[in-house]
C-alpha atoms as a PDB file:
ATOM      1  CA  MET A   1       0.133   0.006   0.060  1.00  0.00           C
ATOM      2  CA  PRO A   2       1.463   3.390  -1.070  1.00  0.00           C
ATOM      3  CA  ASN A   3       2.688   5.724   1.596  1.00  0.00           C
ATOM      4  CA  LYS A   4       0.229   8.714   2.450  1.00  0.00           C
ATOM      5  CA  GLU A   5       1.420  11.932   1.223  1.00  0.00           C
ATOM      6  CA  THR A   6       2.509  14.185   4.086  1.00  0.00           C
ATOM      7  CA  PRO A   7       1.492  17.869   4.366  1.00  0.00           C
ATOM      8  CA  LEU A   8       5.020  18.847   3.551  1.00  0.00           C
ATOM      9  CA  GLN A   9       5.158  16.757   0.352  1.00  0.00           C
ATOM     10  CA  ARG A  10       1.819  18.141  -0.738  1.00  0.00           C
ATOM     11  CA  HIS A  11       3.050  21.586  -0.062  1.00  0.00           C
ATOM     12  CA  GLN A  12       6.250  21.059  -2.260  1.00  0.00           C
ATOM     13  CA  ARG A  13       4.180  19.560  -4.926  1.00  0.00           C
ATOM     14  CA  VAL A  14       1.952  22.585  -5.204  1.00  0.00           C
ATOM     15  CA  LEU A  15       4.939  24.922  -5.091  1.00  0.00           C
ATOM     16  CA  ALA A  16       6.556  22.939  -7.989  1.00  0.00           C
ATOM     17  CA  ALA A  17       3.335  23.206  -9.940  1.00  0.00           C
ATOM     18  CA  SER A  18       3.030  26.979  -9.349  1.00  0.00           C
ATOM     19  CA  GLU A  19       6.459  27.526 -10.828  1.00  0.00           C
ATOM     20  CA  GLU A  20       4.862  27.458 -14.258  1.00  0.00           C
ATOM     21  CA  THR A  21       2.467  30.366 -13.365  1.00  0.00           C
ATOM     22  CA  ASP A  22       4.979  32.560 -11.563  1.00  0.00           C
ATOM     23  CA  GLY A  23       3.919  31.474  -7.989  1.00  0.00           C
ATOM     24  CA  VAL A  24       0.176  31.637  -8.213  1.00  0.00           C
ATOM     25  CA  LEU A  25      -2.659  29.125  -8.813  1.00  0.00           C
ATOM     26  CA  ASP A  26      -6.361  29.383  -9.239  1.00  0.00           C
ATOM     27  CA  HIS A  27      -8.908  27.073  -7.537  1.00  0.00           C
ATOM     28  CA  THR A  28      -9.259  24.842 -10.536  1.00  0.00           C
ATOM     29  CA  ARG A  29      -5.658  24.073 -10.729  1.00  0.00           C
ATOM     30  CA  LEU A  30      -5.449  23.615  -6.842  1.00  0.00           C
ATOM     31  CA  ARG A  31      -8.367  21.024  -7.221  1.00  0.00           C
ATOM     32  CA  ALA A  32      -6.351  19.185  -9.881  1.00  0.00           C
ATOM     33  CA  LEU A  33      -3.583  18.985  -7.258  1.00  0.00           C
ATOM     34  CA  ASP A  34      -5.937  17.518  -4.625  1.00  0.00           C
ATOM     35  CA  VAL A  35      -6.082  20.755  -2.775  1.00  0.00           C
ATOM     36  CA  ASP A  36      -9.781  21.688  -1.891  1.00  0.00           C
ATOM     37  CA  ARG A  37     -10.968  25.274  -0.702  1.00  0.00           C
ATOM     38  CA  ASN A  38     -10.710  24.453   2.938  1.00  0.00           C
ATOM     39  CA  GLN A  39      -7.114  23.468   2.690  1.00  0.00           C
ATOM     40  CA  ALA A  40      -6.411  26.507   0.810  1.00  0.00           C
ATOM     41  CA  ALA A  41      -8.019  28.586   3.434  1.00  0.00           C
ATOM     42  CA  ARG A  42      -5.976  26.906   6.185  1.00  0.00           C
ATOM     43  CA  GLN A  43      -2.769  27.878   4.278  1.00  0.00           C
ATOM     44  CA  VAL A  44      -3.986  31.438   3.909  1.00  0.00           C
ATOM     45  CA  ALA A  45      -4.849  31.621   7.614  1.00  0.00           C
ATOM     46  CA  ALA A  46      -1.482  30.256   8.605  1.00  0.00           C
ATOM     47  CA  GLY A  47       0.153  33.055   6.559  1.00  0.00           C
ATOM     48  CA  ARG A  48       1.833  30.789   4.015  1.00  0.00           C
ATOM     49  CA  TRP A  49      -0.496  31.776   1.066  1.00  0.00           C
ATOM     50  CA  ALA A  50      -2.181  35.021   0.140  1.00  0.00           C
ATOM     51  CA  ARG A  51      -5.480  35.587  -1.689  1.00  0.00           C
ATOM     52  CA  HIS A  52      -5.502  37.947  -4.718  1.00  0.00           C
ATOM     53  CA  GLY A  53      -9.105  37.925  -5.808  1.00  0.00           C
ATOM     54  CA  LYS A  54     -11.873  35.359  -5.918  1.00  0.00           C
ATOM     55  CA  TYR A  55     -10.126  32.694  -7.662  1.00  0.00           C
ATOM     56  CA  THR A  56      -6.435  33.462  -7.309  1.00  0.00           C
ATOM     57  CA  LEU A  57      -4.004  32.523  -4.573  1.00  0.00           C
ATOM     58  CA  ALA A  58      -0.292  33.188  -4.331  1.00  0.00           C
ATOM     59  CA  MET A  59       1.966  30.504  -2.822  1.00  0.00           C
ATOM     60  CA  HIS A  60       3.811  33.217  -0.964  1.00  0.00           C
ATOM     61  CA  ASN A  61       3.158  36.644   0.843  1.00  0.00           C
ATOM     62  CA  GLY A  62       5.267  38.758  -1.452  1.00  0.00           C
ATOM     63  CA  PRO A  63       4.254  41.085  -4.181  1.00  0.00           C
ATOM     64  CA  LEU A  64       3.153  39.527  -7.597  1.00  0.00           C
ATOM     65  CA  GLY A  65       5.418  39.750 -10.647  1.00  0.00           C
ATOM     66  CA  HIS A  66       4.122  40.780 -14.101  1.00  0.00           C
ATOM     67  CA  VAL A  67       3.488  37.280 -15.265  1.00  0.00           C
ATOM     68  CA  ALA A  68       1.688  36.416 -11.937  1.00  0.00           C
ATOM     69  CA  ARG A  69      -0.492  39.506 -12.419  1.00  0.00           C
ATOM     70  CA  CYS A  70      -1.273  38.506 -15.930  1.00  0.00           C
ATOM     71  CA  TRP A  71      -2.513  35.010 -14.858  1.00  0.00           C
ATOM     72  CA  ARG A  72      -4.463  36.591 -12.136  1.00  0.00           C
ATOM     73  CA  ALA A  73      -6.137  38.978 -14.594  1.00  0.00           C
ATOM     74  CA  VAL A  74      -7.105  35.898 -16.928  1.00  0.00           C
ATOM     75  CA  TRP A  75      -8.486  33.866 -14.057  1.00  0.00           C
ATOM     76  CA  GLU A  76     -10.441  36.682 -12.349  1.00  0.00           C
ATOM     77  CA  VAL A  77     -12.047  37.976 -15.578  1.00  0.00           C
ATOM     78  CA  GLY A  78     -12.581  34.306 -17.021  1.00  0.00           C
ATOM     79  CA  GLU A  79      -9.930  32.084 -18.482  1.00  0.00           C
ATOM     80  CA  ASN A  80     -12.198  30.799 -21.291  1.00  0.00           C
ATOM     81  CA  VAL A  81     -12.967  34.276 -22.765  1.00  0.00           C
ATOM     82  CA  THR A  82      -9.883  36.359 -21.822  1.00  0.00           C
ATOM     83  CA  LEU A  83      -6.492  37.212 -23.492  1.00  0.00           C
ATOM     84  CA  VAL A  84      -3.873  39.355 -22.092  1.00  0.00           C
ATOM     85  CA  ASP A  85      -3.579  41.952 -24.570  1.00  0.00           C
ATOM     86  CA  GLY A  86      -2.303  45.372 -25.461  1.00  0.00           C
ATOM     87  CA  VAL A  87       0.917  46.610 -23.604  1.00  0.00           C
ATOM     88  CA  SER A  88       0.732  43.833 -21.098  1.00  0.00           C
ATOM     89  CA  ALA A  89       1.009  41.209 -23.919  1.00  0.00           C
ATOM     90  CA  LEU A  90       3.794  43.147 -25.495  1.00  0.00           C
ATOM     91  CA  GLN A  91       5.495  43.054 -22.008  1.00  0.00           C
ATOM     92  CA  LEU A  92       5.179  39.298 -21.952  1.00  0.00           C
ATOM     93  CA  ALA A  93       6.786  39.138 -25.358  1.00  0.00           C
ATOM     94  CA  GLY A  94       9.846  41.116 -24.216  1.00  0.00           C
ATOM     95  CA  LEU A  95       8.967  44.715 -24.447  1.00  0.00           C
ATOM     96  CA  ARG A  96      11.354  46.943 -22.642  1.00  0.00           C
ATOM     97  CA  GLY A  97      11.173  50.572 -21.445  1.00  0.00           C
ATOM     98  CA  TRP A  98       7.439  50.773 -20.913  1.00  0.00           C
ATOM     99  CA  HIS A  99       5.802  50.260 -17.602  1.00  0.00           C
ATOM    100  CA  GLU A 100       2.124  49.987 -16.430  1.00  0.00           C
ATOM    101  CA  GLU A 101       0.830  48.506 -13.295  1.00  0.00           C
ATOM    102  CA  VAL A 102      -2.609  47.688 -14.758  1.00  0.00           C
ATOM    103  CA  VAL A 103      -2.915  44.537 -16.660  1.00  0.00           C
ATOM    104  CA  HIS A 104      -4.815  44.921 -20.144  1.00  0.00           C
ATOM    105  CA  VAL A 105      -6.967  41.973 -21.308  1.00  0.00           C
ATOM    106  CA  SER A 106      -9.342  41.662 -24.020  1.00  0.00           C
ATOM    107  CA  LEU A 107     -12.740  39.756 -24.323  1.00  0.00           C
ATOM    108  CA  VAL A 108     -15.434  39.679 -26.943  1.00  0.00           C
ATOM    109  CA  HIS A 109     -18.131  42.185 -26.511  1.00  0.00           C
ATOM    110  CA  ARG A 110     -20.974  39.712 -25.609  1.00  0.00           C
ATOM    111  CA  HIS A 111     -19.228  38.913 -22.334  1.00  0.00           C
ATOM    112  CA  ASP A 112     -19.648  41.179 -19.376  1.00  0.00           C
ATOM    113  CA  PRO A 113     -16.533  41.101 -17.063  1.00  0.00           C
ATOM    114  CA  SER A 114     -16.700  41.752 -13.277  1.00  0.00           C
ATOM    115  CA  PHE A 115     -14.606  44.544 -11.989  1.00  0.00           C
ATOM    116  CA  THR A 116     -11.193  43.298 -10.925  1.00  0.00           C
ATOM    117  CA  SER A 117      -8.716  45.846  -9.288  1.00  0.00           C
ATOM    118  CA  GLY A 118      -5.505  46.242 -11.282  1.00  0.00           C
ATOM    119  CA  VAL A 119      -7.040  44.963 -14.432  1.00  0.00           C
ATOM    120  CA  LYS A 120      -8.452  46.848 -17.422  1.00  0.00           C
ATOM    121  CA  ALA A 121     -10.764  44.837 -19.422  1.00  0.00           C
ATOM    122  CA  HIS A 122     -11.472  45.797 -23.046  1.00  0.00           C
ATOM    123  CA  LYS A 123     -14.296  44.525 -25.136  1.00  0.00           C
ATOM    124  CA  VAL A 124     -13.506  43.758 -28.740  1.00  0.00           C
ATOM    125  CA  ILE A 125     -16.088  43.175 -31.505  1.00  0.00           C
ATOM    126  CA  ARG A 126     -14.486  39.954 -32.696  1.00  0.00           C
ATOM    127  CA  ARG A 127     -11.258  37.933 -32.392  1.00  0.00           C
ATOM    128  CA  VAL A 128      -8.764  38.074 -35.221  1.00  0.00           C
ATOM    129  CA  GLU A 129      -7.828  34.877 -36.754  1.00  0.00           C
ATOM    130  CA  GLY A 130      -4.560  33.586 -35.307  1.00  0.00           C
ATOM    131  CA  GLU A 131      -4.196  36.410 -32.926  1.00  0.00           C
ATOM    132  CA  ARG A 132      -3.589  34.095 -29.747  1.00  0.00           C
ATOM    133  CA  ALA A 133      -0.036  33.203 -29.155  1.00  0.00           C
ATOM    134  CA  GLY A 134       1.009  29.600 -28.435  1.00  0.00           C
ATOM    135  CA  ALA A 135       0.397  27.430 -25.347  1.00  0.00           C
ATOM    136  CA  GLY A 136       0.804  28.914 -21.980  1.00  0.00           C
ATOM    137  CA  LEU A 137      -0.518  32.143 -20.585  1.00  0.00           C
ATOM    138  CA  PRO A 138      -3.500  33.160 -22.744  1.00  0.00           C
ATOM    139  CA  ARG A 139      -2.377  36.296 -24.776  1.00  0.00           C
ATOM    140  CA  THR A 140      -2.352  38.068 -28.015  1.00  0.00           C
ATOM    141  CA  ARG A 141       0.628  37.965 -30.540  1.00  0.00           C
ATOM    142  CA  PRO A 142       2.696  41.204 -30.625  1.00  0.00           C
ATOM    143  CA  PRO A 143       1.381  42.664 -33.899  1.00  0.00           C
ATOM    144  CA  VAL A 144      -2.227  42.515 -32.717  1.00  0.00           C
ATOM    145  CA  ALA A 145      -1.232  43.491 -29.122  1.00  0.00           C
ATOM    146  CA  ALA A 146       0.571  46.560 -30.462  1.00  0.00           C
ATOM    147  CA  ILE A 147      -2.404  47.947 -32.622  1.00  0.00           C
ATOM    148  CA  ARG A 148      -4.789  47.356 -29.748  1.00  0.00           C
ATOM    149  CA  ALA A 149      -2.334  49.015 -27.320  1.00  0.00           C
ATOM    150  CA  ALA A 150      -2.218  51.896 -29.751  1.00  0.00           C
ATOM    151  CA  ASN A 151      -5.912  52.235 -29.831  1.00  0.00           C
ATOM    152  CA  TRP A 152      -6.237  52.034 -26.131  1.00  0.00           C
ATOM    153  CA  ALA A 153      -3.442  54.504 -25.416  1.00  0.00           C
ATOM    154  CA  VAL A 154      -4.094  57.749 -23.517  1.00  0.00           C
ATOM    155  CA  SER A 155      -2.583  59.877 -26.363  1.00  0.00           C
ATOM    156  CA  ASP A 156      -1.417  59.910 -29.850  1.00  0.00           C
ATOM    157  CA  ARG A 157       2.168  60.371 -28.565  1.00  0.00           C
ATOM    158  CA  ALA A 158       1.755  57.227 -26.428  1.00  0.00           C
ATOM    159  CA  ALA A 159       0.230  55.244 -29.281  1.00  0.00           C
ATOM    160  CA  ALA A 160       3.145  56.053 -31.671  1.00  0.00           C
ATOM    161  CA  THR A 161       5.775  55.341 -29.052  1.00  0.00           C
ATOM    162  CA  ILE A 162       4.274  51.915 -28.416  1.00  0.00           C
ATOM    163  CA  LEU A 163       4.117  51.056 -32.143  1.00  0.00           C
ATOM    164  CA  ALA A 164       7.702  52.303 -32.675  1.00  0.00           C
ATOM    165  CA  MET A 165       9.183  50.424 -29.704  1.00  0.00           C
ATOM    166  CA  THR A 166       7.477  47.245 -30.961  1.00  0.00           C
ATOM    167  CA  VAL A 167       9.300  47.498 -34.303  1.00  0.00           C
ATOM    168  CA  GLN A 168      12.584  48.750 -32.818  1.00  0.00           C
ATOM    169  CA  GLN A 169      12.750  46.044 -30.450  1.00  0.00           C
ATOM    170  CA  ARG A 170      12.049  43.529 -33.127  1.00  0.00           C
ATOM    171  CA  LEU A 171       8.733  42.099 -31.377  1.00  0.00           C
ATOM    172  CA  ALA A 172       7.060  42.543 -34.755  1.00  0.00           C
ATOM    173  CA  THR A 173       7.964  43.806 -38.194  1.00  0.00           C
ATOM    174  CA  GLY A 174       6.515  46.892 -39.836  1.00  0.00           C
ATOM    175  CA  GLU A 175       4.699  44.801 -42.380  1.00  0.00           C
ATOM    176  CA  GLN A 176       3.114  42.666 -39.550  1.00  0.00           C
ATOM    177  CA  LEU A 177       1.817  45.920 -37.975  1.00  0.00           C
ATOM    178  CA  VAL A 178       0.512  47.133 -41.406  1.00  0.00           C
ATOM    179  CA  ASP A 179      -1.336  43.720 -41.775  1.00  0.00           C
ATOM    180  CA  ALA A 180      -2.616  43.703 -38.065  1.00  0.00           C
ATOM    181  CA  ARG A 181      -3.879  47.222 -38.392  1.00  0.00           C
ATOM    182  CA  ARG A 182      -6.081  46.219 -41.412  1.00  0.00           C
ATOM    183  CA  ARG A 183      -7.472  43.376 -39.454  1.00  0.00           C
ATOM    184  CA  VAL A 184      -8.023  44.988 -36.026  1.00  0.00           C
ATOM    185  CA  ARG A 185     -10.730  47.455 -36.201  1.00  0.00           C
ATOM    186  CA  GLY A 186     -10.239  49.973 -33.427  1.00  0.00           C
ATOM    187  CA  ARG A 187     -12.822  52.694 -32.613  1.00  0.00           C
ATOM    188  CA  ARG A 188     -10.252  55.419 -31.976  1.00  0.00           C
ATOM    189  CA  ARG A 189      -7.462  57.345 -34.041  1.00  0.00           C
ATOM    190  CA  ARG A 190      -7.941  55.197 -37.327  1.00  0.00           C
ATOM    191  CA  ALA A 191      -6.541  57.711 -39.755  1.00  0.00           C
ATOM    192  CA  PHE A 192      -3.512  58.486 -37.368  1.00  0.00           C
ATOM    193  CA  LEU A 193      -2.606  54.857 -36.801  1.00  0.00           C
ATOM    194  CA  ARG A 194      -2.967  54.078 -40.508  1.00  0.00           C
ATOM    195  CA  GLN A 195      -0.429  56.899 -41.233  1.00  0.00           C
ATOM    196  CA  VAL A 196       2.051  56.154 -38.349  1.00  0.00           C
ATOM    197  CA  VAL A 197       2.046  52.409 -38.972  1.00  0.00           C
ATOM    198  CA  GLN A 198       2.862  52.980 -42.620  1.00  0.00           C
ATOM    199  CA  ASP A 199       5.712  55.397 -41.571  1.00  0.00           C
ATOM    200  CA  ILE A 200       7.239  53.000 -39.295  1.00  0.00           C
ATOM    201  CA  ALA A 201       6.854  50.164 -41.880  1.00  0.00           C
ATOM    202  CA  ASP A 202       8.475  52.209 -44.734  1.00  0.00           C
ATOM    203  CA  GLY A 203      11.066  54.278 -42.610  1.00  0.00           C
ATOM    204  CA  ALA A 204      11.782  57.755 -44.039  1.00  0.00           C
ATOM    205  CA  GLN A 205       9.522  57.725 -46.960  1.00  0.00           C
ATOM    206  CA  SER A 206       9.855  60.100 -49.975  1.00  0.00           C
ATOM    207  CA  LEU A 207       9.881  63.501 -48.768  1.00  0.00           C
ATOM    208  CA  HIS A 208       7.123  64.255 -51.392  1.00  0.00           C
ATOM    209  CA  GLU A 209       4.741  61.949 -49.233  1.00  0.00           C
ATOM    210  CA  LEU A 210       5.835  63.899 -46.020  1.00  0.00           C
ATOM    211  CA  ASP A 211       5.378  67.184 -47.875  1.00  0.00           C
ATOM    212  CA  PHE A 212       8.256  68.787 -46.094  1.00  0.00           C
ATOM    213  CA  ALA A 213       8.620  71.375 -48.728  1.00  0.00           C
ATOM    214  CA  GLY A 214       5.027  72.280 -48.709  1.00  0.00           C
ATOM    215  CA  ALA A 215       5.198  72.772 -44.910  1.00  0.00           C
ATOM    216  CA  CYS A 216       8.143  75.019 -45.394  1.00  0.00           C
ATOM    217  CA  ARG A 217       6.178  77.013 -47.955  1.00  0.00           C
ATOM    218  CA  LYS A 218       3.449  77.620 -45.548  1.00  0.00           C
ATOM    219  CA  ARG A 219       5.967  79.005 -43.115  1.00  0.00           C
ATOM    220  CA  ALA A 220       7.414  81.182 -45.809  1.00  0.00           C
ATOM    221  CA  LEU A 221      10.810  79.377 -45.549  1.00  0.00           C
ATOM    222  CA  PRO A 222      13.064  78.902 -48.522  1.00  0.00           C
ATOM    223  CA  GLU A 223      12.530  75.780 -50.770  1.00  0.00           C
ATOM    224  CA  PRO A 224      14.904  73.019 -49.836  1.00  0.00           C
ATOM    225  CA  THR A 225      16.649  70.556 -52.230  1.00  0.00           C
ATOM    226  CA  ARG A 226      15.488  66.927 -51.622  1.00  0.00           C
ATOM    227  CA  GLN A 227      17.776  64.006 -51.986  1.00  0.00           C
ATOM    228  CA  ALA A 228      20.657  66.277 -52.498  1.00  0.00           C
ATOM    229  CA  LEU A 229      23.985  64.503 -53.723  1.00  0.00           C
ATOM    230  CA  ARG A 230      26.955  65.438 -51.599  1.00  0.00           C
ATOM    231  CA  ARG A 231      30.371  64.061 -52.547  1.00  0.00           C
ATOM    232  CA  THR A 232      32.875  63.533 -49.657  1.00  0.00           C
ATOM    233  CA  LYS A 233      36.274  62.104 -49.413  1.00  0.00           C
ATOM    234  CA  ASP A 234      34.742  58.832 -48.659  1.00  0.00           C
ATOM    235  CA  GLY A 235      32.455  58.804 -51.572  1.00  0.00           C
ATOM    236  CA  ARG A 236      28.945  60.031 -52.554  1.00  0.00           C
ATOM    237  CA  ILE A 237      26.128  60.562 -49.995  1.00  0.00           C
ATOM    238  CA  TYR A 238      22.553  61.624 -50.437  1.00  0.00           C
ATOM    239  CA  LEU A 239      20.994  64.132 -48.032  1.00  0.00           C
ATOM    240  CA  ASP A 240      17.200  63.974 -47.278  1.00  0.00           C
ATOM    241  CA  VAL A 241      16.766  67.895 -47.336  1.00  0.00           C
ATOM    242  CA  PHE A 242      19.399  70.463 -48.001  1.00  0.00           C
ATOM    243  CA  PHE A 243      19.100  74.250 -47.627  1.00  0.00           C
ATOM    244  CA  GLU A 244      22.203  74.744 -49.705  1.00  0.00           C
ATOM    245  CA  GLU A 245      22.746  78.460 -49.322  1.00  0.00           C
ATOM    246  CA  TYR A 246      22.177  78.373 -45.670  1.00  0.00           C
ATOM    247  CA  GLY A 247      24.460  75.290 -45.005  1.00  0.00           C
ATOM    248  CA  LEU A 248      21.637  73.444 -43.326  1.00  0.00           C
ATOM    249  CA  VAL A 249      20.917  69.815 -43.800  1.00  0.00           C
ATOM    250  CA  VAL A 250      17.772  68.153 -42.455  1.00  0.00           C
ATOM    251  CA  GLU A 251      17.662  64.347 -42.066  1.00  0.00           C
ATOM    252  CA  VAL A 252      14.495  62.334 -41.631  1.00  0.00           C
ATOM    253  CA  ASP A 253      14.770  59.230 -39.518  1.00  0.00           C
ATOM    254  CA  GLY A 254      12.455  56.245 -39.525  1.00  0.00           C
ATOM    255  CA  ALA A 255      12.169  53.354 -37.080  1.00  0.00           C
ATOM    256  CA  GLY A 256      14.834  51.483 -39.094  1.00  0.00           C
ATOM    257  CA  HIS A 257      17.504  54.102 -38.115  1.00  0.00           C
ATOM    258  CA  GLN A 258      17.509  52.404 -34.802  1.00  0.00           C
ATOM    259  CA  TRP A 259      18.420  48.853 -36.072  1.00  0.00           C
ATOM    260  CA  GLY A 260      21.673  47.274 -36.139  1.00  0.00           C
ATOM    261  CA  LEU A 261      24.335  49.369 -37.704  1.00  0.00           C
ATOM    262  CA  ALA A 262      21.884  51.893 -39.388  1.00  0.00           C
ATOM    263  CA  GLY A 263      22.640  54.318 -36.738  1.00  0.00           C
ATOM    264  CA  VAL A 264      26.396  53.937 -37.215  1.00  0.00           C
ATOM    265  CA  ASP A 265      26.007  54.805 -40.893  1.00  0.00           C
ATOM    266  CA  ASP A 266      23.735  57.797 -40.087  1.00  0.00           C
ATOM    267  CA  SER A 267      26.381  59.250 -37.754  1.00  0.00           C
ATOM    268  CA  PHE A 268      29.314  58.786 -40.225  1.00  0.00           C
ATOM    269  CA  ARG A 269      27.030  60.587 -42.911  1.00  0.00           C
ATOM    270  CA  ALA A 270      26.200  63.280 -40.352  1.00  0.00           C
ATOM    271  CA  ASN A 271      29.784  63.800 -39.295  1.00  0.00           C
ATOM    272  CA  ALA A 272      30.927  64.040 -43.007  1.00  0.00           C
ATOM    273  CA  VAL A 273      28.444  66.880 -43.500  1.00  0.00           C
ATOM    274  CA  VAL A 274      29.472  68.700 -40.381  1.00  0.00           C
ATOM    275  CA  ILE A 275      33.258  68.369 -41.330  1.00  0.00           C
ATOM    276  CA  ASP A 276      32.452  70.076 -44.667  1.00  0.00           C
ATOM    277  CA  GLY A 277      31.080  73.042 -42.776  1.00  0.00           C
ATOM    278  CA  ASP A 278      27.281  72.371 -42.748  1.00  0.00           C
ATOM    279  CA  ARG A 279      25.082  71.679 -39.718  1.00  0.00           C
ATOM    280  CA  VAL A 280      22.474  68.928 -39.406  1.00  0.00           C
ATOM    281  CA  LEU A 281      19.002  68.860 -37.904  1.00  0.00           C
ATOM    282  CA  ARG A 282      17.190  65.282 -37.398  1.00  0.00           C
ATOM    283  CA  ILE A 283      13.468  64.705 -37.628  1.00  0.00           C
ATOM    284  CA  ASN A 284      12.010  61.601 -36.324  1.00  0.00           C
ATOM    285  CA  ILE A 285       9.289  60.602 -38.805  1.00  0.00           C
ATOM    286  CA  VAL A 286       6.798  59.511 -36.042  1.00  0.00           C
ATOM    287  CA  GLY A 287       7.586  62.692 -34.155  1.00  0.00           C
ATOM    288  CA  TRP A 288       6.808  64.667 -37.433  1.00  0.00           C
ATOM    289  CA  ARG A 289       3.231  63.137 -37.433  1.00  0.00           C
ATOM    290  CA  LEU A 290       2.823  63.963 -33.824  1.00  0.00           C
ATOM    291  CA  ASP A 291       4.062  67.610 -33.701  1.00  0.00           C
ATOM    292  CA  ARG A 292       5.439  68.901 -37.070  1.00  0.00           C
ATOM    293  CA  GLU A 293       5.043  72.455 -35.916  1.00  0.00           C
ATOM    294  CA  ALA A 294       7.651  71.931 -33.093  1.00  0.00           C
ATOM    295  CA  TYR A 295      10.108  70.577 -35.693  1.00  0.00           C
ATOM    296  CA  LEU A 296       9.405  73.553 -38.042  1.00  0.00           C
ATOM    297  CA  ASP A 297      10.071  75.903 -35.333  1.00  0.00           C
ATOM    298  CA  GLN A 298      13.636  74.446 -35.120  1.00  0.00           C
ATOM    299  CA  VAL A 299      14.095  74.465 -38.862  1.00  0.00           C
ATOM    300  CA  THR A 300      12.967  78.281 -38.769  1.00  0.00           C
ATOM    301  CA  ALA A 301      15.412  79.032 -35.883  1.00  0.00           C
ATOM    302  CA  ALA A 302      18.263  77.375 -37.644  1.00  0.00           C
ATOM    303  CA  LEU A 303      17.657  79.201 -40.735  1.00  0.00           C
ATOM    304  CA  ARG A 304      17.595  82.433 -38.830  1.00  0.00           C
ATOM    305  CA  SER A 305      20.632  81.757 -36.805  1.00  0.00           C
ATOM    306  CA  ASP A 306      23.871  83.802 -37.125  1.00  0.00           C
ATOM    307  CA  TRP A 307      25.825  80.940 -38.859  1.00  0.00           C
ATOM    308  CA  ALA A 308      22.996  80.290 -41.447  1.00  0.00           C
ATOM    309  CA  LEU A 309      22.752  84.115 -42.227  1.00  0.00           C
ATOM    310  CA  ALA A 310      26.567  84.150 -42.631  1.00  0.00           C
ATOM    311  CA  ASN A 311      26.447  81.257 -45.014  1.00  0.00           C
ATOM    312  CA  LEU A 312      23.773  83.047 -47.033  1.00  0.00           C
ATOM    313  CA  ALA A 313      25.832  86.259 -47.242  1.00  0.00           C
ATOM    314  CA  ARG A 314      28.627  84.320 -48.616  1.00  0.00           C
ATOM    315  CA  SER A 315      26.756  82.339 -51.011  1.00  0.00           C
ATOM    316  CA  ARG A 316      25.101  85.588 -52.470  1.00  0.00           C
ATOM    317  CA  PRO A 317      27.884  88.222 -53.195  1.00  0.00           C
ATOM    318  CA  VAL A 318      26.838  91.749 -53.425  1.00  0.00           C
ATOM    319  CA  ALA A 319      26.732  93.633 -56.771  1.00  0.00           C
ATOM    320  CA  GLY A 320      30.385  94.816 -57.830  1.00  0.00           C
ATOM    321  CA  ASP A 321      32.160  91.981 -55.973  1.00  0.00           C
ATOM    322  CA  VAL A 322      34.989  90.415 -57.987  1.00  0.00           C
ATOM    323  CA  ASN A 323      35.340  86.688 -57.885  1.00  0.00           C
END
């Protein structure tokens, strides 16, 4: 006859099982481990476990980590209908540099979630085919999560930042974001997201599409040369925008400028321009969509600076000068 399991052995078995869910378990999983509600209550009363909702218990008394809080959100809202989504799903996929205490989840609109502290439940019209990630914690794949996060963000700036970070950190490609945006139908900022996602996917597009020259004309600024060819000692380089008489170069940076050695190439190009005597301003393409007027203020200030006006005077000799 097999030996009866001791309380210590059972406790160790439960702890081992909870390692897969970051130290938390729900009542369904505890029952599968032969731990009923009364036994769980005694562990809580003894101070060994802690309750974190109607269904969730931690096998410790410390704070919950992000993965544990996501499991809690799924169990408390409803495991069969809920996916961790938005920024929370991106964090599970490895997003760095963005912090939110609240856990975002999604569920189809016909379900009514009960209020759960620390959880923001978003209703979606329908699920997107293939949006759920593989086995484990129920969550959406990064491309869909990024588009939903952008729709749910508190501002256009936050939305654009999340999308750019998703691509920069290689959680999804620009093309995957474009596809996800077409399939995920959000209620907010549709036109803005369509443009920003395309900007991120394409990087620095043609300046005709950005209409940089048109924006300059509205400010009564000089007409720049686009894709100007510059010859340096290291070869030929192309400048996005060049106010030649003023010695001012404007470079437009897309999301791709943050990848790999692209930033190194950009710095060499900018340095070569500066060595030749010109100055360089940089415009982030997503930032241009968010606040083009702020960038144009900087361009205006640069064109009116002492060094730019001195360059202009040298490039336009007064009548009677002898070359």
